[in-house]
């Protein structure tokens, strides 16, 4: 099993654990948006959206840029490779375990048919 930075995984999965933050990422995948636009889209206060964007920004999933009074959000530099590799390691582990379970079940079925 590959070991990854615990702090990075914690920040990423904490950010992704909230439906609003996942929605923000989906929205920013379509187009950059200001915090005001995001707050309107998600029917939230500016303060609430700033907190969500802050969590996403700390995880590297969103980057913000201030021009005058407008703070524009866009997808961050994180490509989720570390998180994907962590998930894939566990997917492979579970897949191998289920394959072994399938073999045991098939063996038990064959033994049951012989009796």
N, C-alpha and C. Protein backbone atom coordinates (compact mmCIF):
# COMPACT_ATOMS: atom_id res chain seq x y z
N UNK A 1 0.85 -1.17 0.00
CA UNK A 1 0.00 0.00 0.00
C UNK A 1 0.90 1.23 0.00
N UNK A 2 0.62 2.16 -0.87
CA UNK A 2 1.38 3.41 -0.97
C UNK A 2 0.94 4.34 0.15
N UNK A 3 1.91 4.98 0.81
CA UNK A 3 1.59 5.91 1.88
C UNK A 3 1.62 7.33 1.34
N UNK A 4 0.65 8.12 1.71
CA UNK A 4 0.54 9.49 1.24
C UNK A 4 0.48 10.43 2.43
N UNK A 5 0.72 11.70 2.14
CA UNK A 5 0.68 12.72 3.18
C UNK A 5 -0.70 12.74 3.83
N UNK A 6 -0.73 12.45 5.11
CA UNK A 6 -1.97 12.40 5.85
C UNK A 6 -2.65 13.77 5.88
N UNK A 7 -1.88 14.84 6.07
CA UNK A 7 -2.46 16.18 6.15
C UNK A 7 -3.11 16.56 4.83
N UNK A 8 -2.47 16.22 3.73
CA UNK A 8 -3.04 16.55 2.42
C UNK A 8 -4.33 15.78 2.18
N UNK A 9 -4.30 14.49 2.47
CA UNK A 9 -5.51 13.69 2.29
C UNK A 9 -6.63 14.17 3.20
N UNK A 10 -6.29 14.50 4.44
CA UNK A 10 -7.30 15.00 5.37
C UNK A 10 -7.95 16.26 4.84
N UNK A 11 -7.13 17.20 4.35
CA UNK A 11 -7.66 18.47 3.83
C UNK A 11 -8.53 18.24 2.60
N UNK A 12 -8.09 17.38 1.72
CA UNK A 12 -8.84 17.12 0.49
C UNK A 12 -10.17 16.44 0.78
N UNK A 13 -10.12 15.38 1.58
CA UNK A 13 -11.36 14.65 1.86
C UNK A 13 -12.31 15.47 2.73
N UNK A 14 -11.78 16.31 3.62
CA UNK A 14 -12.64 17.20 4.40
C UNK A 14 -13.34 18.18 3.46
N UNK A 15 -12.59 18.70 2.51
CA UNK A 15 -13.18 19.64 1.55
C UNK A 15 -14.24 18.95 0.69
N UNK A 16 -13.97 17.74 0.28
CA UNK A 16 -14.89 17.01 -0.60
C UNK A 16 -16.06 16.40 0.15
N UNK A 17 -16.02 16.39 1.46
CA UNK A 17 -17.08 15.74 2.24
C UNK A 17 -18.39 16.54 2.25
N UNK A 18 -18.32 17.78 1.85
CA UNK A 18 -19.51 18.64 1.89
C UNK A 18 -20.13 18.78 0.50
N UNK A 19 -21.43 18.59 0.40
CA UNK A 19 -22.14 18.66 -0.89
C UNK A 19 -22.02 20.04 -1.54
N UNK A 20 -22.07 21.09 -0.74
CA UNK A 20 -21.95 22.44 -1.30
C UNK A 20 -20.58 22.63 -1.93
N UNK A 21 -19.54 22.18 -1.24
CA UNK A 21 -18.19 22.34 -1.79
C UNK A 21 -18.01 21.51 -3.05
N UNK A 22 -18.59 20.32 -3.09
CA UNK A 22 -18.52 19.53 -4.32
C UNK A 22 -19.26 20.26 -5.44
N UNK A 23 -20.38 20.88 -5.10
CA UNK A 23 -21.13 21.65 -6.09
C UNK A 23 -20.33 22.84 -6.60
N UNK A 24 -19.60 23.50 -5.71
CA UNK A 24 -18.76 24.62 -6.11
C UNK A 24 -17.70 24.13 -7.10
N UNK A 25 -17.09 23.00 -6.82
CA UNK A 25 -16.09 22.45 -7.75
C UNK A 25 -16.71 22.15 -9.11
N UNK A 26 -17.91 21.57 -9.10
CA UNK A 26 -18.59 21.29 -10.37
C UNK A 26 -18.85 22.59 -11.13
N UNK A 27 -19.30 23.61 -10.41
CA UNK A 27 -19.59 24.91 -11.03
C UNK A 27 -18.31 25.51 -11.62
N UNK A 28 -17.23 25.49 -10.86
CA UNK A 28 -15.96 26.06 -11.33
C UNK A 28 -15.35 25.23 -12.45
N UNK A 29 -15.73 23.97 -12.55
CA UNK A 29 -15.29 23.15 -13.68
C UNK A 29 -15.90 23.63 -14.99
N UNK A 30 -17.04 24.31 -14.89
CA UNK A 30 -17.70 24.85 -16.08
C UNK A 30 -17.19 26.25 -16.41
N UNK A 31 -16.96 27.08 -15.36
CA UNK A 31 -16.50 28.45 -15.58
C UNK A 31 -16.06 29.06 -14.26
N UNK A 32 -15.09 29.96 -14.31
CA UNK A 32 -14.69 30.71 -13.13
C UNK A 32 -15.89 31.52 -12.65
N UNK A 33 -15.91 31.84 -11.37
CA UNK A 33 -17.03 32.60 -10.82
C UNK A 33 -16.56 33.40 -9.62
N UNK A 34 -17.24 34.51 -9.37
CA UNK A 34 -16.94 35.29 -8.17
C UNK A 34 -17.61 34.63 -6.97
N UNK A 35 -17.15 35.00 -5.79
CA UNK A 35 -17.77 34.46 -4.58
C UNK A 35 -19.23 34.89 -4.52
N UNK A 36 -19.53 36.09 -4.97
CA UNK A 36 -20.91 36.57 -4.99
C UNK A 36 -21.77 35.69 -5.90
N UNK A 37 -21.26 35.37 -7.08
CA UNK A 37 -22.01 34.50 -8.00
C UNK A 37 -22.23 33.12 -7.40
N UNK A 38 -21.21 32.59 -6.77
CA UNK A 38 -21.35 31.27 -6.13
C UNK A 38 -22.36 31.32 -4.99
N UNK A 39 -22.30 32.37 -4.18
CA UNK A 39 -23.24 32.50 -3.06
C UNK A 39 -24.68 32.57 -3.59
N UNK A 40 -24.88 33.32 -4.66
CA UNK A 40 -26.22 33.41 -5.25
C UNK A 40 -26.67 32.06 -5.78
N UNK A 41 -25.79 31.39 -6.49
CA UNK A 41 -26.11 30.09 -7.09
C UNK A 41 -26.53 29.07 -6.02
N UNK A 42 -25.85 29.11 -4.87
CA UNK A 42 -26.11 28.13 -3.81
C UNK A 42 -27.00 28.68 -2.71
N UNK A 43 -27.58 29.86 -2.95
CA UNK A 43 -28.52 30.47 -1.99
C UNK A 43 -27.90 30.58 -0.60
N UNK A 44 -26.69 31.14 -0.56
CA UNK A 44 -25.95 31.28 0.70
C UNK A 44 -25.56 32.74 0.91
N UNK A 45 -25.16 33.04 2.13
CA UNK A 45 -24.60 34.36 2.41
C UNK A 45 -23.18 34.41 1.87
N UNK A 46 -22.68 35.62 1.68
CA UNK A 46 -21.29 35.77 1.24
C UNK A 46 -20.33 35.17 2.27
N UNK A 47 -20.61 35.39 3.53
CA UNK A 47 -19.76 34.85 4.59
C UNK A 47 -19.72 33.32 4.54
N UNK A 48 -20.86 32.70 4.37
CA UNK A 48 -20.91 31.24 4.27
C UNK A 48 -20.13 30.73 3.08
N UNK A 49 -20.29 31.38 1.94
CA UNK A 49 -19.57 30.93 0.74
C UNK A 49 -18.07 31.17 0.89
N UNK A 50 -17.68 32.28 1.51
CA UNK A 50 -16.25 32.54 1.73
C UNK A 50 -15.63 31.42 2.57
N UNK A 51 -16.37 30.93 3.56
CA UNK A 51 -15.86 29.83 4.40
C UNK A 51 -15.68 28.56 3.57
N UNK A 52 -16.66 28.25 2.72
CA UNK A 52 -16.55 27.06 1.87
C UNK A 52 -15.37 27.19 0.91
N UNK A 53 -15.25 28.37 0.29
CA UNK A 53 -14.15 28.60 -0.65
C UNK A 53 -12.81 28.51 0.09
N UNK A 54 -12.76 29.00 1.32
CA UNK A 54 -11.52 28.91 2.11
C UNK A 54 -11.10 27.47 2.36
N UNK A 55 -12.04 26.61 2.66
CA UNK A 55 -11.74 25.18 2.86
C UNK A 55 -11.20 24.58 1.56
N UNK A 56 -11.85 24.89 0.46
CA UNK A 56 -11.41 24.38 -0.84
C UNK A 56 -10.04 24.94 -1.22
N UNK A 57 -9.80 26.19 -0.88
CA UNK A 57 -8.52 26.83 -1.20
C UNK A 57 -7.39 26.20 -0.39
N UNK A 58 -7.62 25.95 0.90
CA UNK A 58 -6.58 25.33 1.73
C UNK A 58 -6.23 23.92 1.24
N UNK A 59 -7.19 23.25 0.63
CA UNK A 59 -6.94 21.91 0.09
C UNK A 59 -6.31 21.97 -1.30
N UNK A 60 -6.16 23.16 -1.85
CA UNK A 60 -5.56 23.30 -3.18
C UNK A 60 -6.54 23.03 -4.31
N UNK A 61 -7.82 22.89 -3.97
CA UNK A 61 -8.81 22.57 -4.99
C UNK A 61 -9.36 23.80 -5.69
N UNK A 62 -9.22 24.97 -5.06
CA UNK A 62 -9.70 26.23 -5.61
C UNK A 62 -8.61 27.28 -5.41
N UNK A 63 -8.50 28.17 -6.37
CA UNK A 63 -7.61 29.33 -6.25
C UNK A 63 -8.47 30.58 -6.41
N UNK A 64 -8.14 31.62 -5.66
CA UNK A 64 -8.89 32.87 -5.78
C UNK A 64 -7.94 33.99 -6.18
N UNK A 65 -8.53 34.97 -6.83
CA UNK A 65 -7.76 36.13 -7.28
C UNK A 65 -8.63 37.35 -7.06
N UNK A 66 -8.07 38.37 -6.43
CA UNK A 66 -8.85 39.56 -6.13
C UNK A 66 -8.50 40.65 -7.14
N UNK A 67 -9.54 41.20 -7.76
CA UNK A 67 -9.39 42.33 -8.67
C UNK A 67 -10.38 43.40 -8.22
N UNK A 68 -9.88 44.43 -7.57
CA UNK A 68 -10.77 45.44 -7.01
C UNK A 68 -11.53 44.85 -5.84
N UNK A 69 -12.85 44.93 -5.93
CA UNK A 69 -13.69 44.39 -4.84
C UNK A 69 -14.19 42.98 -5.14
N UNK A 70 -13.82 42.45 -6.30
CA UNK A 70 -14.33 41.14 -6.71
C UNK A 70 -13.27 40.07 -6.52
N UNK A 71 -13.62 39.00 -5.82
CA UNK A 71 -12.73 37.85 -5.65
C UNK A 71 -13.25 36.75 -6.56
N UNK A 72 -12.43 36.42 -7.58
CA UNK A 72 -12.81 35.40 -8.55
C UNK A 72 -12.21 34.06 -8.16
N UNK A 73 -13.01 33.01 -8.28
CA UNK A 73 -12.59 31.65 -7.94
C UNK A 73 -12.42 30.85 -9.21
N UNK A 74 -11.42 29.98 -9.22
CA UNK A 74 -11.22 29.04 -10.32
C UNK A 74 -10.67 27.75 -9.73
N UNK A 75 -10.68 26.72 -10.52
CA UNK A 75 -10.14 25.45 -10.04
C UNK A 75 -8.68 25.63 -9.68
N UNK A 76 -8.26 25.00 -8.60
CA UNK A 76 -6.89 25.11 -8.12
C UNK A 76 -5.94 24.17 -8.83
N UNK A 77 -4.73 24.15 -8.33
CA UNK A 77 -3.68 23.34 -8.96
C UNK A 77 -3.76 21.86 -8.62
N UNK A 78 -4.50 21.51 -7.57
CA UNK A 78 -4.61 20.10 -7.19
C UNK A 78 -5.36 19.33 -8.26
N UNK A 79 -4.78 18.28 -8.73
CA UNK A 79 -5.42 17.44 -9.74
C UNK A 79 -5.97 16.16 -9.11
N UNK A 80 -5.91 16.09 -7.79
CA UNK A 80 -6.41 14.96 -7.01
C UNK A 80 -5.67 13.65 -7.33
N UNK A 81 -4.44 13.75 -7.83
CA UNK A 81 -3.68 12.52 -8.12
C UNK A 81 -3.36 11.74 -6.85
N UNK A 82 -2.97 12.45 -5.79
CA UNK A 82 -2.64 11.77 -4.53
C UNK A 82 -3.88 11.08 -3.97
N UNK A 83 -5.00 11.78 -4.01
CA UNK A 83 -6.24 11.22 -3.49
C UNK A 83 -6.71 10.04 -4.33
N UNK A 84 -6.57 10.17 -5.64
CA UNK A 84 -6.95 9.08 -6.55
C UNK A 84 -6.07 7.85 -6.32
N UNK A 85 -4.78 8.06 -6.12
CA UNK A 85 -3.86 6.94 -5.87
C UNK A 85 -4.22 6.25 -4.55
N UNK A 86 -4.57 7.03 -3.54
CA UNK A 86 -4.96 6.46 -2.25
C UNK A 86 -6.22 5.61 -2.40
N UNK A 87 -7.20 6.14 -3.08
CA UNK A 87 -8.45 5.40 -3.31
C UNK A 87 -8.18 4.15 -4.14
N UNK A 88 -7.36 4.28 -5.18
CA UNK A 88 -7.05 3.14 -6.05
C UNK A 88 -6.37 2.02 -5.28
N UNK A 89 -5.49 2.37 -4.35
CA UNK A 89 -4.84 1.35 -3.52
C UNK A 89 -5.85 0.53 -2.75
N UNK A 90 -6.82 1.20 -2.17
CA UNK A 90 -7.87 0.48 -1.44
C UNK A 90 -8.83 -0.25 -2.36
N UNK A 91 -9.08 0.29 -3.55
CA UNK A 91 -9.93 -0.40 -4.52
C UNK A 91 -9.29 -1.73 -4.91
N UNK A 92 -7.99 -1.70 -5.15
CA UNK A 92 -7.28 -2.93 -5.50
C UNK A 92 -7.29 -3.92 -4.36
N UNK A 93 -7.09 -3.44 -3.14
CA UNK A 93 -7.12 -4.31 -1.97
C UNK A 93 -8.47 -5.01 -1.85
N UNK A 94 -9.57 -4.24 -1.93
CA UNK A 94 -10.90 -4.83 -1.82
C UNK A 94 -11.21 -5.74 -2.99
N UNK A 95 -10.77 -5.37 -4.17
CA UNK A 95 -10.99 -6.22 -5.34
C UNK A 95 -10.32 -7.58 -5.16
N UNK A 96 -9.09 -7.56 -4.66
CA UNK A 96 -8.37 -8.82 -4.42
C UNK A 96 -9.08 -9.65 -3.36
N UNK A 97 -9.58 -9.02 -2.32
CA UNK A 97 -10.29 -9.75 -1.27
C UNK A 97 -11.59 -10.36 -1.80
N UNK A 98 -12.31 -9.60 -2.60
CA UNK A 98 -13.55 -10.14 -3.17
C UNK A 98 -13.27 -11.26 -4.16
N UNK A 99 -12.17 -11.17 -4.91
CA UNK A 99 -11.79 -12.26 -5.81
C UNK A 99 -11.52 -13.53 -5.02
N UNK A 100 -10.82 -13.40 -3.89
CA UNK A 100 -10.55 -14.56 -3.05
C UNK A 100 -11.84 -15.13 -2.46
N UNK A 101 -12.76 -14.27 -2.06
CA UNK A 101 -14.05 -14.71 -1.54
C UNK A 101 -14.83 -15.46 -2.62
N UNK A 102 -14.80 -14.95 -3.85
CA UNK A 102 -15.47 -15.63 -4.97
C UNK A 102 -14.91 -17.04 -5.17
N UNK A 103 -13.59 -17.20 -5.05
CA UNK A 103 -12.97 -18.51 -5.20
C UNK A 103 -13.45 -19.46 -4.11
N UNK A 104 -13.52 -18.98 -2.89
CA UNK A 104 -13.99 -19.81 -1.77
C UNK A 104 -15.44 -20.23 -1.98
N UNK A 105 -16.27 -19.29 -2.41
CA UNK A 105 -17.69 -19.60 -2.66
C UNK A 105 -17.83 -20.64 -3.76
N UNK A 106 -17.07 -20.49 -4.84
CA UNK A 106 -17.11 -21.47 -5.93
C UNK A 106 -16.66 -22.85 -5.46
N UNK A 107 -15.61 -22.87 -4.64
CA UNK A 107 -15.12 -24.14 -4.11
C UNK A 107 -16.18 -24.80 -3.23
N UNK A 108 -16.84 -24.01 -2.38
CA UNK A 108 -17.89 -24.55 -1.52
C UNK A 108 -19.08 -25.07 -2.35
N UNK A 109 -19.41 -24.39 -3.42
CA UNK A 109 -20.50 -24.84 -4.29
C UNK A 109 -20.14 -26.18 -4.93
N UNK A 110 -18.91 -26.30 -5.41
CA UNK A 110 -18.48 -27.56 -6.03
C UNK A 110 -18.52 -28.70 -5.02
N UNK A 111 -18.05 -28.44 -3.80
CA UNK A 111 -18.07 -29.46 -2.76
C UNK A 111 -19.50 -29.84 -2.41
N UNK A 112 -20.39 -28.86 -2.38
CA UNK A 112 -21.80 -29.12 -2.08
C UNK A 112 -22.46 -29.95 -3.19
N UNK A 113 -22.08 -29.75 -4.42
CA UNK A 113 -22.66 -30.50 -5.54
C UNK A 113 -22.18 -31.96 -5.52
N UNK A 114 -20.99 -32.21 -5.00
CA UNK A 114 -20.44 -33.56 -4.95
C UNK A 114 -21.10 -34.41 -3.87
N UNK A 115 -21.71 -33.78 -2.91
CA UNK A 115 -22.27 -34.53 -1.78
C UNK A 115 -23.61 -35.08 -2.09
